Amino acid sequence: MTRSIKKGIYVDEGILKKIAGKNPLQTPVIKTWKRACVIAPEMLGFTFGVHNGKTHVEVFITEDMVGHRLGEFSPTKKFVKHGGKMQKELEQKKKEAEIAQAKTATAVAEDAKKK
């Protein structure tokens, strides 16, 4: 259920105090446990360490994130791939093909430099 318009959006006061008057480029990662906090325009450019239950996941705030919550960008569950042995073989072949393609691209680039 969404928050009432009458109440307004929830932006944590403590987070706003931490970023008040600071330069986003020179400020280190700001650690927070406030996953429910809505991202405000004042937070643009800052990097937050949002706690996912185990560690702090670094989240760099961009324009597209304004209006969303901090917790949306710090997943709490790790997805384990399905497929087992057959899937591993397919991924291995794909990785080998990418490596071979990269080697041919570098060889072509070196030939072009020599000419």
N, C-alpha and C. Protein backbone atom coordinates (compact mmCIF):
# COMPACT_ATOMS: atom_id res chain seq x y z
N MET A 1 0.84 -1.18 0.00
CA MET A 1 0.00 0.00 0.00
C MET A 1 0.89 1.24 0.00
N THR A 2 0.56 2.22 -0.83
CA THR A 2 1.39 3.41 -0.93
C THR A 2 1.12 4.37 0.21
N ARG A 3 2.04 5.28 0.38
CA ARG A 3 1.92 6.27 1.44
C ARG A 3 0.91 7.34 1.02
N SER A 4 0.17 7.86 1.98
CA SER A 4 -0.85 8.86 1.73
C SER A 4 -0.23 10.14 1.16
N ILE A 5 -0.88 10.76 0.20
CA ILE A 5 -0.40 12.02 -0.38
C ILE A 5 -0.39 13.10 0.69
N LYS A 6 -1.35 13.04 1.60
CA LYS A 6 -1.46 14.02 2.67
C LYS A 6 -0.20 14.01 3.55
N LYS A 7 0.35 12.83 3.79
CA LYS A 7 1.55 12.71 4.62
C LYS A 7 2.81 13.12 3.88
N GLY A 8 2.82 13.00 2.57
CA GLY A 8 4.01 13.32 1.79
C GLY A 8 4.96 12.14 1.72
N ILE A 9 6.05 12.32 0.98
CA ILE A 9 7.00 11.23 0.82
C ILE A 9 7.91 11.14 2.05
N TYR A 10 8.46 9.95 2.27
CA TYR A 10 9.33 9.72 3.42
C TYR A 10 10.78 9.88 3.00
N VAL A 11 11.39 10.99 3.40
CA VAL A 11 12.82 11.20 3.20
C VAL A 11 13.42 11.37 4.59
N ASP A 12 14.37 10.51 4.93
CA ASP A 12 14.94 10.50 6.28
C ASP A 12 15.71 11.80 6.55
N GLU A 13 15.43 12.42 7.68
CA GLU A 13 16.09 13.66 8.07
C GLU A 13 17.59 13.48 8.25
N GLY A 14 17.99 12.34 8.81
CA GLY A 14 19.41 12.07 9.06
C GLY A 14 20.22 12.03 7.77
N ILE A 15 19.64 11.43 6.74
CA ILE A 15 20.35 11.36 5.46
C ILE A 15 20.49 12.75 4.86
N LEU A 16 19.43 13.56 4.96
CA LEU A 16 19.51 14.92 4.43
C LEU A 16 20.55 15.76 5.17
N LYS A 17 20.69 15.52 6.49
CA LYS A 17 21.71 16.24 7.27
C LYS A 17 23.12 15.84 6.83
N LYS A 18 23.30 14.53 6.51
CA LYS A 18 24.61 14.05 6.10
C LYS A 18 25.06 14.64 4.77
N ILE A 19 24.11 14.95 3.88
CA ILE A 19 24.49 15.46 2.56
C ILE A 19 24.38 16.98 2.45
N ALA A 20 23.83 17.64 3.47
CA ALA A 20 23.62 19.08 3.42
C ALA A 20 24.94 19.84 3.25
N GLY A 21 25.03 20.64 2.20
CA GLY A 21 26.19 21.50 1.98
C GLY A 21 27.45 20.78 1.56
N LYS A 22 27.37 19.52 1.15
CA LYS A 22 28.56 18.76 0.76
C LYS A 22 28.61 18.59 -0.76
N ASN A 23 29.82 18.45 -1.24
CA ASN A 23 30.05 18.21 -2.67
C ASN A 23 29.95 16.71 -2.94
N PRO A 24 29.10 16.29 -3.88
CA PRO A 24 28.94 14.85 -4.14
C PRO A 24 30.22 14.17 -4.61
N LEU A 25 31.08 14.90 -5.31
CA LEU A 25 32.30 14.30 -5.85
C LEU A 25 33.35 14.04 -4.76
N GLN A 26 33.35 14.84 -3.71
CA GLN A 26 34.37 14.72 -2.67
C GLN A 26 33.88 13.95 -1.44
N THR A 27 32.59 13.63 -1.39
CA THR A 27 32.04 12.93 -0.24
C THR A 27 32.22 11.43 -0.40
N PRO A 28 32.73 10.75 0.63
CA PRO A 28 32.85 9.29 0.55
C PRO A 28 31.47 8.62 0.60
N VAL A 29 31.44 7.32 0.56
CA VAL A 29 30.19 6.56 0.59
C VAL A 29 29.47 6.84 1.92
N ILE A 30 28.18 7.15 1.81
CA ILE A 30 27.36 7.42 3.00
C ILE A 30 26.60 6.14 3.34
N LYS A 31 26.94 5.52 4.46
CA LYS A 31 26.29 4.27 4.84
C LYS A 31 24.93 4.55 5.46
N THR A 32 23.95 3.72 5.09
CA THR A 32 22.61 3.88 5.65
C THR A 32 21.90 2.54 5.74
N TRP A 33 21.00 2.46 6.70
CA TRP A 33 20.15 1.28 6.88
C TRP A 33 18.71 1.62 6.52
N LYS A 34 18.48 2.85 6.06
CA LYS A 34 17.13 3.35 5.77
C LYS A 34 16.72 2.98 4.34
N ARG A 35 16.34 1.74 4.13
CA ARG A 35 15.95 1.25 2.80
C ARG A 35 14.63 1.85 2.32
N ALA A 36 13.78 2.29 3.25
CA ALA A 36 12.47 2.82 2.89
C ALA A 36 12.52 4.29 2.49
N CYS A 37 13.67 4.92 2.65
CA CYS A 37 13.82 6.34 2.33
C CYS A 37 13.68 6.58 0.83
N VAL A 38 12.85 7.56 0.46
CA VAL A 38 12.66 7.90 -0.95
C VAL A 38 13.82 8.77 -1.40
N ILE A 39 14.28 8.54 -2.62
CA ILE A 39 15.40 9.31 -3.17
C ILE A 39 14.89 10.67 -3.62
N ALA A 40 15.47 11.73 -3.04
CA ALA A 40 15.09 13.10 -3.34
C ALA A 40 16.08 13.70 -4.34
N PRO A 41 15.69 14.78 -5.04
CA PRO A 41 16.60 15.42 -6.00
C PRO A 41 17.90 15.93 -5.36
N GLU A 42 17.87 16.24 -4.06
CA GLU A 42 19.08 16.73 -3.38
C GLU A 42 20.16 15.65 -3.30
N MET A 43 19.77 14.39 -3.47
CA MET A 43 20.70 13.27 -3.33
C MET A 43 21.47 12.96 -4.62
N LEU A 44 21.17 13.64 -5.70
CA LEU A 44 21.80 13.34 -6.98
C LEU A 44 23.32 13.45 -6.90
N GLY A 45 24.00 12.46 -7.43
CA GLY A 45 25.45 12.47 -7.48
C GLY A 45 26.14 11.83 -6.29
N PHE A 46 25.42 11.61 -5.22
CA PHE A 46 26.01 10.99 -4.03
C PHE A 46 26.00 9.48 -4.17
N THR A 47 26.93 8.83 -3.46
CA THR A 47 26.98 7.37 -3.42
C THR A 47 26.59 6.92 -2.01
N PHE A 48 25.56 6.08 -1.94
CA PHE A 48 25.08 5.59 -0.67
C PHE A 48 25.43 4.12 -0.53
N GLY A 49 25.79 3.71 0.68
CA GLY A 49 25.99 2.31 0.99
C GLY A 49 24.72 1.80 1.66
N VAL A 50 23.84 1.18 0.87
CA VAL A 50 22.54 0.74 1.38
C VAL A 50 22.67 -0.69 1.90
N HIS A 51 22.27 -0.90 3.14
CA HIS A 51 22.41 -2.21 3.78
C HIS A 51 21.40 -3.19 3.22
N ASN A 52 21.85 -4.39 2.87
CA ASN A 52 20.94 -5.40 2.32
C ASN A 52 20.69 -6.54 3.30
N GLY A 53 21.09 -6.37 4.54
CA GLY A 53 20.91 -7.41 5.54
C GLY A 53 22.23 -8.09 5.89
N LYS A 54 23.21 -7.97 5.01
CA LYS A 54 24.51 -8.59 5.24
C LYS A 54 25.63 -7.58 5.05
N THR A 55 25.61 -6.86 3.93
CA THR A 55 26.65 -5.88 3.63
C THR A 55 26.00 -4.59 3.13
N HIS A 56 26.83 -3.59 2.94
CA HIS A 56 26.37 -2.34 2.35
C HIS A 56 26.67 -2.38 0.86
N VAL A 57 25.64 -2.23 0.03
CA VAL A 57 25.78 -2.22 -1.41
C VAL A 57 25.87 -0.77 -1.86
N GLU A 58 26.93 -0.44 -2.61
CA GLU A 58 27.11 0.94 -3.07
C GLU A 58 26.11 1.26 -4.18
N VAL A 59 25.39 2.36 -4.00
CA VAL A 59 24.39 2.81 -4.97
C VAL A 59 24.69 4.25 -5.33
N PHE A 60 25.01 4.49 -6.62
CA PHE A 60 25.26 5.84 -7.11
C PHE A 60 23.93 6.42 -7.59
N ILE A 61 23.53 7.56 -7.08
CA ILE A 61 22.21 8.13 -7.37
C ILE A 61 22.25 8.93 -8.67
N THR A 62 21.33 8.59 -9.59
CA THR A 62 21.19 9.30 -10.87
C THR A 62 19.78 9.88 -10.96
N GLU A 63 19.53 10.63 -12.02
CA GLU A 63 18.22 11.28 -12.19
C GLU A 63 17.08 10.28 -12.29
N ASP A 64 17.33 9.13 -12.92
CA ASP A 64 16.28 8.14 -13.11
C ASP A 64 15.79 7.54 -11.80
N MET A 65 16.59 7.63 -10.76
CA MET A 65 16.26 7.00 -9.47
C MET A 65 15.38 7.87 -8.58
N VAL A 66 15.24 9.15 -8.90
CA VAL A 66 14.48 10.07 -8.06
C VAL A 66 13.03 9.59 -7.97
N GLY A 67 12.51 9.50 -6.75
CA GLY A 67 11.15 9.04 -6.52
C GLY A 67 11.07 7.58 -6.12
N HIS A 68 12.14 6.83 -6.37
CA HIS A 68 12.19 5.42 -5.96
C HIS A 68 12.76 5.35 -4.55
N ARG A 69 12.77 4.17 -3.98
CA ARG A 69 13.32 3.99 -2.63
C ARG A 69 14.73 3.41 -2.71
N LEU A 70 15.54 3.70 -1.70
CA LEU A 70 16.92 3.22 -1.68
C LEU A 70 17.00 1.70 -1.72
N GLY A 71 16.09 1.03 -1.05
CA GLY A 71 16.10 -0.42 -0.98
C GLY A 71 15.88 -1.11 -2.31
N GLU A 72 15.31 -0.41 -3.29
CA GLU A 72 15.06 -1.01 -4.60
C GLU A 72 16.36 -1.32 -5.33
N PHE A 73 17.43 -0.63 -4.98
CA PHE A 73 18.70 -0.77 -5.69
C PHE A 73 19.72 -1.59 -4.90
N SER A 74 19.28 -2.20 -3.83
CA SER A 74 20.13 -3.05 -3.01
C SER A 74 19.42 -4.37 -2.76
N PRO A 75 19.55 -5.34 -3.68
CA PRO A 75 18.80 -6.59 -3.54
C PRO A 75 19.20 -7.38 -2.30
N THR A 76 18.21 -7.98 -1.66
CA THR A 76 18.47 -8.72 -0.42
C THR A 76 18.66 -10.20 -0.66
N LYS A 77 18.27 -10.68 -1.82
CA LYS A 77 18.40 -12.10 -2.13
C LYS A 77 19.32 -12.30 -3.31
N LYS A 78 20.15 -13.32 -3.23
CA LYS A 78 21.09 -13.63 -4.31
C LYS A 78 20.46 -14.69 -5.20
N PHE A 79 20.41 -14.41 -6.50
CA PHE A 79 19.83 -15.37 -7.44
C PHE A 79 20.87 -16.41 -7.79
N VAL A 80 20.51 -17.68 -7.63
CA VAL A 80 21.38 -18.78 -7.99
C VAL A 80 20.87 -19.31 -9.32
N LYS A 81 21.77 -19.42 -10.29
CA LYS A 81 21.37 -19.83 -11.63
C LYS A 81 20.84 -21.25 -11.64
N HIS A 82 19.91 -21.49 -12.55
CA HIS A 82 19.36 -22.82 -12.76
C HIS A 82 20.13 -23.50 -13.88
N GLY A 83 20.04 -24.78 -13.97
CA GLY A 83 20.59 -25.46 -15.13
C GLY A 83 21.61 -26.53 -14.82
N GLY A 84 22.37 -26.39 -13.79
CA GLY A 84 23.34 -27.41 -13.41
C GLY A 84 24.47 -27.59 -14.40
N LYS A 85 24.84 -28.84 -14.66
CA LYS A 85 26.01 -29.20 -15.46
C LYS A 85 25.88 -28.74 -16.91
N MET A 86 24.72 -28.95 -17.50
CA MET A 86 24.52 -28.57 -18.90
C MET A 86 24.63 -27.07 -19.09
N GLN A 87 24.09 -26.30 -18.17
CA GLN A 87 24.16 -24.84 -18.26
C GLN A 87 25.60 -24.36 -18.13
N LYS A 88 26.40 -24.99 -17.25
CA LYS A 88 27.80 -24.61 -17.09
C LYS A 88 28.57 -24.83 -18.39
N GLU A 89 28.30 -25.96 -19.07
CA GLU A 89 28.98 -26.24 -20.34
C GLU A 89 28.64 -25.19 -21.39
N LEU A 90 27.38 -24.79 -21.46
CA LEU A 90 26.97 -23.77 -22.42
C LEU A 90 27.64 -22.43 -22.13
N GLU A 91 27.70 -22.06 -20.86
CA GLU A 91 28.35 -20.81 -20.47
C GLU A 91 29.84 -20.85 -20.76
N GLN A 92 30.48 -21.99 -20.55
CA GLN A 92 31.91 -22.15 -20.82
C GLN A 92 32.19 -21.97 -22.31
N LYS A 93 31.37 -22.57 -23.16
CA LYS A 93 31.53 -22.43 -24.61
C LYS A 93 31.34 -20.97 -25.04
N LYS A 94 30.36 -20.31 -24.45
CA LYS A 94 30.09 -18.91 -24.77
C LYS A 94 31.28 -18.04 -24.37
N LYS A 95 31.84 -18.29 -23.20
CA LYS A 95 32.98 -17.52 -22.71
C LYS A 95 34.20 -17.74 -23.61
N GLU A 96 34.43 -18.99 -24.03
CA GLU A 96 35.55 -19.30 -24.94
C GLU A 96 35.37 -18.60 -26.28
N ALA A 97 34.15 -18.54 -26.77
CA ALA A 97 33.88 -17.85 -28.03
C ALA A 97 34.15 -16.36 -27.92
N GLU A 98 33.79 -15.76 -26.79
CA GLU A 98 34.05 -14.34 -26.56
C GLU A 98 35.55 -14.06 -26.51
N ILE A 99 36.30 -14.94 -25.86
CA ILE A 99 37.76 -14.78 -25.76
C ILE A 99 38.39 -14.89 -27.14
N ALA A 100 37.95 -15.86 -27.93
CA ALA A 100 38.48 -16.03 -29.28
C ALA A 100 38.16 -14.81 -30.14
N GLN A 101 36.96 -14.27 -29.99
CA GLN A 101 36.57 -13.09 -30.76
C GLN A 101 37.41 -11.88 -30.36
N ALA A 102 37.69 -11.73 -29.08
CA ALA A 102 38.51 -10.61 -28.60
C ALA A 102 39.94 -10.73 -29.13
N LYS A 103 40.47 -11.96 -29.18
CA LYS A 103 41.83 -12.16 -29.70
C LYS A 103 41.91 -11.80 -31.18
N THR A 104 40.90 -12.18 -31.95
CA THR A 104 40.91 -11.84 -33.38
C THR A 104 40.78 -10.34 -33.58
N ALA A 105 39.99 -9.68 -32.74
CA ALA A 105 39.83 -8.23 -32.85
C ALA A 105 41.15 -7.51 -32.55
N THR A 106 41.88 -7.97 -31.55
CA THR A 106 43.17 -7.34 -31.23
C THR A 106 44.19 -7.62 -32.32
N ALA A 107 44.14 -8.81 -32.93
CA ALA A 107 45.06 -9.13 -34.02
C ALA A 107 44.77 -8.24 -35.22
N VAL A 108 43.52 -8.01 -35.53
CA VAL A 108 43.14 -7.15 -36.65
C VAL A 108 43.60 -5.71 -36.38
N ALA A 109 43.45 -5.26 -35.14
CA ALA A 109 43.86 -3.90 -34.77
C ALA A 109 45.38 -3.74 -34.90
N GLU A 110 46.13 -4.77 -34.49
CA GLU A 110 47.59 -4.71 -34.59
C GLU A 110 48.04 -4.70 -36.06
N ASP A 111 47.37 -5.49 -36.92
CA ASP A 111 47.68 -5.49 -38.34
C ASP A 111 47.41 -4.12 -38.97
N ALA A 112 46.36 -3.48 -38.52
CA ALA A 112 46.01 -2.16 -39.05
C ALA A 112 47.07 -1.13 -38.65
N LYS A 113 47.61 -1.25 -37.44
CA LYS A 113 48.65 -0.33 -36.98
C LYS A 113 49.94 -0.52 -37.76
N LYS A 114 50.27 -1.75 -38.12
CA LYS A 114 51.51 -2.05 -38.86
C LYS A 114 51.46 -1.47 -40.26
N LYS A 115 50.29 -1.43 -40.87
CA LYS A 115 50.15 -0.91 -42.23
C LYS A 115 50.12 0.55 -42.19
